Amino acid sequence: MKPGPDPCCPPALEARDLRPIEGPEADDELASLAKAVGHPARVQILRLLARRTACICGDIVDELPLAQSTVSQHLKVLKEAGLVRGDVDGPRVCYCLEPRALRRLKALVGGL
């Protein structure tokens, strides 16, 4: 049984995404998301966050053989792509997956 939502990361929107999975805009979106997951470290971060409800950046650094600054840069790319959320909670930043964006990525890849 998965633990409940972390107070750092409020529940994600569950609204259905009705945007098309083909066409120029969808192609641009898929290319952008693919670029964001186009590095093994970012894939590892997504997998790590998928196993947890939220994660503090320091916890992510402990799990990966990368420097804090490198992990922060990868998190920035993932956040800019909308695949993760990062919420400031006092002196720490909690990161969690953005399920709607991951569902969109899956739909776009499935439309190939």
N, C-alpha and C. Protein backbone atom coordinates (compact mmCIF):
# COMPACT_ATOMS: atom_id res chain seq x y z
N MET A 1 0.84 -1.18 0.00
CA MET A 1 0.00 0.00 0.00
C MET A 1 0.88 1.24 0.00
N LYS A 2 0.59 2.17 -0.91
CA LYS A 2 1.37 3.40 -1.01
C LYS A 2 0.98 4.35 0.11
N PRO A 3 1.95 5.08 0.67
CA PRO A 3 1.62 6.07 1.68
C PRO A 3 0.78 7.20 1.09
N GLY A 4 0.12 7.94 1.93
CA GLY A 4 -0.71 9.05 1.48
C GLY A 4 0.12 10.16 0.88
N PRO A 5 -0.53 11.17 0.30
CA PRO A 5 0.21 12.25 -0.34
C PRO A 5 1.04 13.04 0.66
N ASP A 6 2.19 13.46 0.22
CA ASP A 6 3.09 14.25 1.05
C ASP A 6 2.55 15.68 1.09
N PRO A 7 2.58 16.34 2.25
CA PRO A 7 2.07 17.70 2.32
C PRO A 7 2.86 18.67 1.43
N CYS A 8 4.08 18.31 1.05
CA CYS A 8 4.87 19.17 0.17
C CYS A 8 4.32 19.20 -1.24
N CYS A 9 3.71 18.12 -1.65
CA CYS A 9 3.20 18.01 -3.02
C CYS A 9 1.70 17.77 -2.98
N PRO A 10 0.93 18.81 -3.22
CA PRO A 10 -0.52 18.65 -3.21
C PRO A 10 -0.96 17.68 -4.31
N PRO A 11 -2.15 17.11 -4.19
CA PRO A 11 -2.63 16.16 -5.20
C PRO A 11 -2.63 16.76 -6.60
N ALA A 12 -2.26 15.95 -7.57
CA ALA A 12 -2.23 16.40 -8.96
C ALA A 12 -3.65 16.46 -9.52
N LEU A 13 -3.82 17.28 -10.53
CA LEU A 13 -5.11 17.37 -11.21
C LEU A 13 -5.39 16.06 -11.93
N GLU A 14 -6.59 15.58 -11.82
CA GLU A 14 -6.95 14.32 -12.45
C GLU A 14 -7.81 14.53 -13.69
N ALA A 15 -7.96 15.77 -14.14
CA ALA A 15 -8.80 16.05 -15.30
C ALA A 15 -8.26 15.34 -16.54
N ARG A 16 -9.18 14.87 -17.35
CA ARG A 16 -8.82 14.16 -18.58
C ARG A 16 -8.22 15.13 -19.59
N ASP A 17 -7.15 14.71 -20.27
CA ASP A 17 -6.48 15.53 -21.27
C ASP A 17 -7.07 15.21 -22.64
N LEU A 18 -7.72 16.19 -23.25
CA LEU A 18 -8.40 15.97 -24.52
C LEU A 18 -7.63 16.53 -25.71
N ARG A 19 -6.39 16.96 -25.50
CA ARG A 19 -5.60 17.49 -26.60
C ARG A 19 -5.25 16.38 -27.60
N PRO A 20 -5.13 16.73 -28.88
CA PRO A 20 -4.79 15.73 -29.89
C PRO A 20 -3.38 15.16 -29.68
N ILE A 21 -3.19 13.92 -30.14
CA ILE A 21 -1.88 13.28 -30.01
C ILE A 21 -1.12 13.29 -31.34
N GLU A 22 -1.71 13.93 -32.35
CA GLU A 22 -1.05 14.09 -33.64
C GLU A 22 -1.17 15.53 -34.09
N GLY A 23 -0.27 15.92 -34.97
CA GLY A 23 -0.28 17.27 -35.50
C GLY A 23 0.95 18.03 -35.05
N PRO A 24 1.16 19.20 -35.62
CA PRO A 24 2.37 19.98 -35.33
C PRO A 24 2.57 20.31 -33.85
N GLU A 25 1.51 20.71 -33.17
CA GLU A 25 1.65 21.05 -31.74
C GLU A 25 1.99 19.83 -30.91
N ALA A 26 1.34 18.71 -31.20
CA ALA A 26 1.63 17.47 -30.48
C ALA A 26 3.05 17.01 -30.76
N ASP A 27 3.49 17.18 -32.01
CA ASP A 27 4.86 16.79 -32.37
C ASP A 27 5.88 17.62 -31.60
N ASP A 28 5.64 18.92 -31.51
CA ASP A 28 6.54 19.79 -30.75
C ASP A 28 6.55 19.42 -29.27
N GLU A 29 5.37 19.12 -28.74
CA GLU A 29 5.26 18.74 -27.33
C GLU A 29 6.00 17.43 -27.06
N LEU A 30 5.83 16.44 -27.93
CA LEU A 30 6.52 15.17 -27.76
C LEU A 30 8.02 15.37 -27.85
N ALA A 31 8.48 16.16 -28.79
CA ALA A 31 9.92 16.40 -28.91
C ALA A 31 10.48 17.06 -27.66
N SER A 32 9.74 17.99 -27.09
CA SER A 32 10.18 18.67 -25.87
C SER A 32 10.23 17.71 -24.68
N LEU A 33 9.19 16.90 -24.52
CA LEU A 33 9.17 15.93 -23.42
C LEU A 33 10.25 14.87 -23.61
N ALA A 34 10.45 14.43 -24.85
CA ALA A 34 11.48 13.43 -25.12
C ALA A 34 12.87 13.99 -24.80
N LYS A 35 13.08 15.25 -25.11
CA LYS A 35 14.36 15.88 -24.78
C LYS A 35 14.57 15.91 -23.27
N ALA A 36 13.50 16.17 -22.54
CA ALA A 36 13.60 16.23 -21.07
C ALA A 36 13.94 14.88 -20.47
N VAL A 37 13.45 13.80 -21.05
CA VAL A 37 13.76 12.46 -20.52
C VAL A 37 14.92 11.81 -21.27
N GLY A 38 15.58 12.59 -22.10
CA GLY A 38 16.64 12.08 -22.94
C GLY A 38 17.99 11.91 -22.27
N HIS A 39 18.04 11.91 -20.97
CA HIS A 39 19.29 11.69 -20.24
C HIS A 39 19.04 10.61 -19.19
N PRO A 40 19.93 9.63 -19.08
CA PRO A 40 19.71 8.53 -18.12
C PRO A 40 19.51 9.01 -16.68
N ALA A 41 20.17 10.07 -16.28
CA ALA A 41 20.01 10.56 -14.90
C ALA A 41 18.59 11.07 -14.68
N ARG A 42 18.01 11.71 -15.69
CA ARG A 42 16.64 12.21 -15.55
C ARG A 42 15.65 11.06 -15.51
N VAL A 43 15.91 10.02 -16.26
CA VAL A 43 15.06 8.82 -16.20
C VAL A 43 15.16 8.21 -14.80
N GLN A 44 16.36 8.15 -14.25
CA GLN A 44 16.54 7.61 -12.89
C GLN A 44 15.78 8.46 -11.87
N ILE A 45 15.82 9.76 -12.03
CA ILE A 45 15.10 10.64 -11.10
C ILE A 45 13.60 10.38 -11.20
N LEU A 46 13.07 10.25 -12.41
CA LEU A 46 11.64 9.96 -12.57
C LEU A 46 11.27 8.64 -11.92
N ARG A 47 12.11 7.62 -12.12
CA ARG A 47 11.84 6.31 -11.50
C ARG A 47 11.89 6.40 -9.98
N LEU A 48 12.84 7.14 -9.47
CA LEU A 48 12.96 7.32 -8.02
C LEU A 48 11.71 8.01 -7.46
N LEU A 49 11.27 9.07 -8.13
CA LEU A 49 10.09 9.78 -7.66
C LEU A 49 8.83 8.94 -7.81
N ALA A 50 8.79 8.05 -8.79
CA ALA A 50 7.63 7.18 -8.98
C ALA A 50 7.48 6.21 -7.82
N ARG A 51 8.58 5.87 -7.17
CA ARG A 51 8.54 4.94 -6.04
C ARG A 51 8.18 5.63 -4.73
N ARG A 52 8.15 6.94 -4.74
CA ARG A 52 7.87 7.71 -3.52
C ARG A 52 6.76 8.71 -3.79
N THR A 53 6.14 9.20 -2.73
CA THR A 53 5.13 10.22 -2.92
C THR A 53 5.76 11.60 -3.07
N ALA A 54 6.92 11.82 -2.50
CA ALA A 54 7.65 13.07 -2.64
C ALA A 54 9.09 12.80 -2.25
N CYS A 55 9.93 13.71 -2.59
CA CYS A 55 11.35 13.49 -2.35
C CYS A 55 12.03 14.85 -2.18
N ILE A 56 12.86 14.96 -1.20
CA ILE A 56 13.64 16.17 -1.01
C ILE A 56 14.88 16.03 -1.88
N CYS A 57 15.35 17.12 -2.43
CA CYS A 57 16.48 17.08 -3.35
C CYS A 57 17.67 16.34 -2.76
N GLY A 58 17.96 16.53 -1.49
CA GLY A 58 19.06 15.83 -0.84
C GLY A 58 18.88 14.33 -0.86
N ASP A 59 17.64 13.86 -0.75
CA ASP A 59 17.36 12.43 -0.83
C ASP A 59 17.68 11.89 -2.21
N ILE A 60 17.38 12.68 -3.23
CA ILE A 60 17.66 12.27 -4.60
C ILE A 60 19.17 12.17 -4.81
N VAL A 61 19.89 13.14 -4.29
CA VAL A 61 21.36 13.15 -4.40
C VAL A 61 21.94 11.91 -3.73
N ASP A 62 21.38 11.50 -2.61
CA ASP A 62 21.86 10.31 -1.91
C ASP A 62 21.68 9.04 -2.73
N GLU A 63 20.69 9.03 -3.62
CA GLU A 63 20.37 7.85 -4.42
C GLU A 63 21.16 7.77 -5.73
N LEU A 64 21.71 8.88 -6.18
CA LEU A 64 22.40 8.93 -7.47
C LEU A 64 23.88 9.24 -7.29
N PRO A 65 24.72 8.73 -8.18
CA PRO A 65 26.15 9.00 -8.08
C PRO A 65 26.52 10.33 -8.75
N LEU A 66 25.76 11.39 -8.41
CA LEU A 66 25.96 12.69 -9.04
C LEU A 66 26.08 13.77 -7.97
N ALA A 67 26.73 14.85 -8.33
CA ALA A 67 26.87 16.00 -7.42
C ALA A 67 25.52 16.70 -7.25
N GLN A 68 25.37 17.38 -6.15
CA GLN A 68 24.14 18.13 -5.85
C GLN A 68 23.79 19.08 -7.00
N SER A 69 24.78 19.80 -7.51
CA SER A 69 24.51 20.78 -8.57
C SER A 69 24.03 20.09 -9.85
N THR A 70 24.56 18.90 -10.13
CA THR A 70 24.14 18.16 -11.33
C THR A 70 22.70 17.67 -11.18
N VAL A 71 22.38 17.15 -10.01
CA VAL A 71 21.01 16.70 -9.75
C VAL A 71 20.06 17.89 -9.84
N SER A 72 20.44 19.01 -9.29
CA SER A 72 19.59 20.21 -9.34
C SER A 72 19.34 20.63 -10.79
N GLN A 73 20.36 20.55 -11.63
CA GLN A 73 20.20 20.92 -13.04
C GLN A 73 19.23 19.96 -13.74
N HIS A 74 19.37 18.67 -13.47
CA HIS A 74 18.45 17.70 -14.06
C HIS A 74 17.02 17.93 -13.57
N LEU A 75 16.85 18.23 -12.30
CA LEU A 75 15.52 18.52 -11.76
C LEU A 75 14.93 19.76 -12.41
N LYS A 76 15.76 20.74 -12.66
CA LYS A 76 15.30 21.97 -13.32
C LYS A 76 14.75 21.65 -14.71
N VAL A 77 15.46 20.81 -15.47
CA VAL A 77 15.00 20.42 -16.81
C VAL A 77 13.65 19.70 -16.72
N LEU A 78 13.55 18.75 -15.79
CA LEU A 78 12.31 18.00 -15.62
C LEU A 78 11.16 18.91 -15.19
N LYS A 79 11.45 19.86 -14.33
CA LYS A 79 10.42 20.78 -13.85
C LYS A 79 9.97 21.71 -14.98
N GLU A 80 10.92 22.23 -15.76
CA GLU A 80 10.57 23.11 -16.88
C GLU A 80 9.71 22.38 -17.92
N ALA A 81 9.94 21.08 -18.06
CA ALA A 81 9.15 20.27 -19.00
C ALA A 81 7.78 19.92 -18.42
N GLY A 82 7.59 20.18 -17.13
CA GLY A 82 6.31 19.90 -16.48
C GLY A 82 6.17 18.47 -15.98
N LEU A 83 7.26 17.70 -16.01
CA LEU A 83 7.20 16.30 -15.58
C LEU A 83 7.28 16.13 -14.07
N VAL A 84 7.84 17.10 -13.39
CA VAL A 84 7.89 17.07 -11.92
C VAL A 84 7.46 18.43 -11.39
N ARG A 85 7.02 18.40 -10.15
CA ARG A 85 6.71 19.63 -9.42
C ARG A 85 7.71 19.76 -8.30
N GLY A 86 8.10 20.96 -8.02
CA GLY A 86 8.98 21.21 -6.89
C GLY A 86 8.38 22.30 -6.05
N ASP A 87 8.08 21.98 -4.81
CA ASP A 87 7.45 22.93 -3.92
C ASP A 87 8.38 23.25 -2.76
N VAL A 88 8.55 24.56 -2.50
CA VAL A 88 9.40 24.98 -1.40
C VAL A 88 8.65 24.75 -0.10
N ASP A 89 9.31 24.08 0.83
CA ASP A 89 8.75 23.79 2.14
C ASP A 89 9.79 24.21 3.17
N GLY A 90 9.79 25.49 3.51
CA GLY A 90 10.80 26.00 4.42
C GLY A 90 12.15 26.00 3.73
N PRO A 91 13.18 25.42 4.36
CA PRO A 91 14.51 25.43 3.77
C PRO A 91 14.74 24.31 2.74
N ARG A 92 13.74 23.51 2.50
CA ARG A 92 13.92 22.39 1.57
C ARG A 92 12.98 22.51 0.38
N VAL A 93 13.29 21.78 -0.67
CA VAL A 93 12.42 21.70 -1.83
C VAL A 93 12.03 20.24 -2.00
N CYS A 94 10.73 20.00 -2.04
CA CYS A 94 10.21 18.65 -2.24
C CYS A 94 9.83 18.51 -3.71
N TYR A 95 10.22 17.41 -4.29
CA TYR A 95 9.88 17.14 -5.68
C TYR A 95 8.96 15.93 -5.75
N CYS A 96 8.05 15.97 -6.70
CA CYS A 96 7.17 14.83 -6.95
C CYS A 96 6.81 14.81 -8.43
N LEU A 97 6.36 13.66 -8.88
CA LEU A 97 5.96 13.51 -10.27
C LEU A 97 4.71 14.33 -10.57
N GLU A 98 4.58 14.71 -11.82
CA GLU A 98 3.35 15.34 -12.30
C GLU A 98 2.65 14.28 -13.15
N PRO A 99 1.72 13.50 -12.54
CA PRO A 99 1.11 12.38 -13.25
C PRO A 99 0.44 12.75 -14.57
N ARG A 100 -0.17 13.90 -14.63
CA ARG A 100 -0.86 14.31 -15.87
C ARG A 100 0.14 14.44 -17.02
N ALA A 101 1.32 15.00 -16.74
CA ALA A 101 2.35 15.16 -17.77
C ALA A 101 2.89 13.80 -18.20
N LEU A 102 3.03 12.88 -17.25
CA LEU A 102 3.51 11.54 -17.61
C LEU A 102 2.47 10.80 -18.45
N ARG A 103 1.19 10.97 -18.12
CA ARG A 103 0.14 10.37 -18.94
C ARG A 103 0.16 10.95 -20.35
N ARG A 104 0.40 12.24 -20.44
CA ARG A 104 0.46 12.91 -21.76
C ARG A 104 1.63 12.37 -22.56
N LEU A 105 2.79 12.22 -21.93
CA LEU A 105 3.97 11.67 -22.61
C LEU A 105 3.65 10.26 -23.13
N LYS A 106 3.02 9.46 -22.30
CA LYS A 106 2.66 8.10 -22.69
C LYS A 106 1.70 8.12 -23.89
N ALA A 107 0.74 9.00 -23.86
CA ALA A 107 -0.23 9.09 -24.96
C ALA A 107 0.46 9.54 -26.26
N LEU A 108 1.36 10.52 -26.15
CA LEU A 108 2.06 11.00 -27.34
C LEU A 108 2.96 9.93 -27.94
N VAL A 109 3.67 9.20 -27.09
CA VAL A 109 4.52 8.11 -27.59
C VAL A 109 3.65 7.01 -28.18
N GLY A 110 2.54 6.72 -27.54
CA GLY A 110 1.62 5.70 -28.05
C GLY A 110 1.04 6.06 -29.40
N GLY A 111 0.99 7.36 -29.71
CA GLY A 111 0.44 7.81 -30.98
C GLY A 111 1.42 7.74 -32.14
N LEU A 112 2.63 7.29 -31.87
CA LEU A 112 3.62 7.18 -32.96
C LEU A 112 3.30 6.04 -33.90
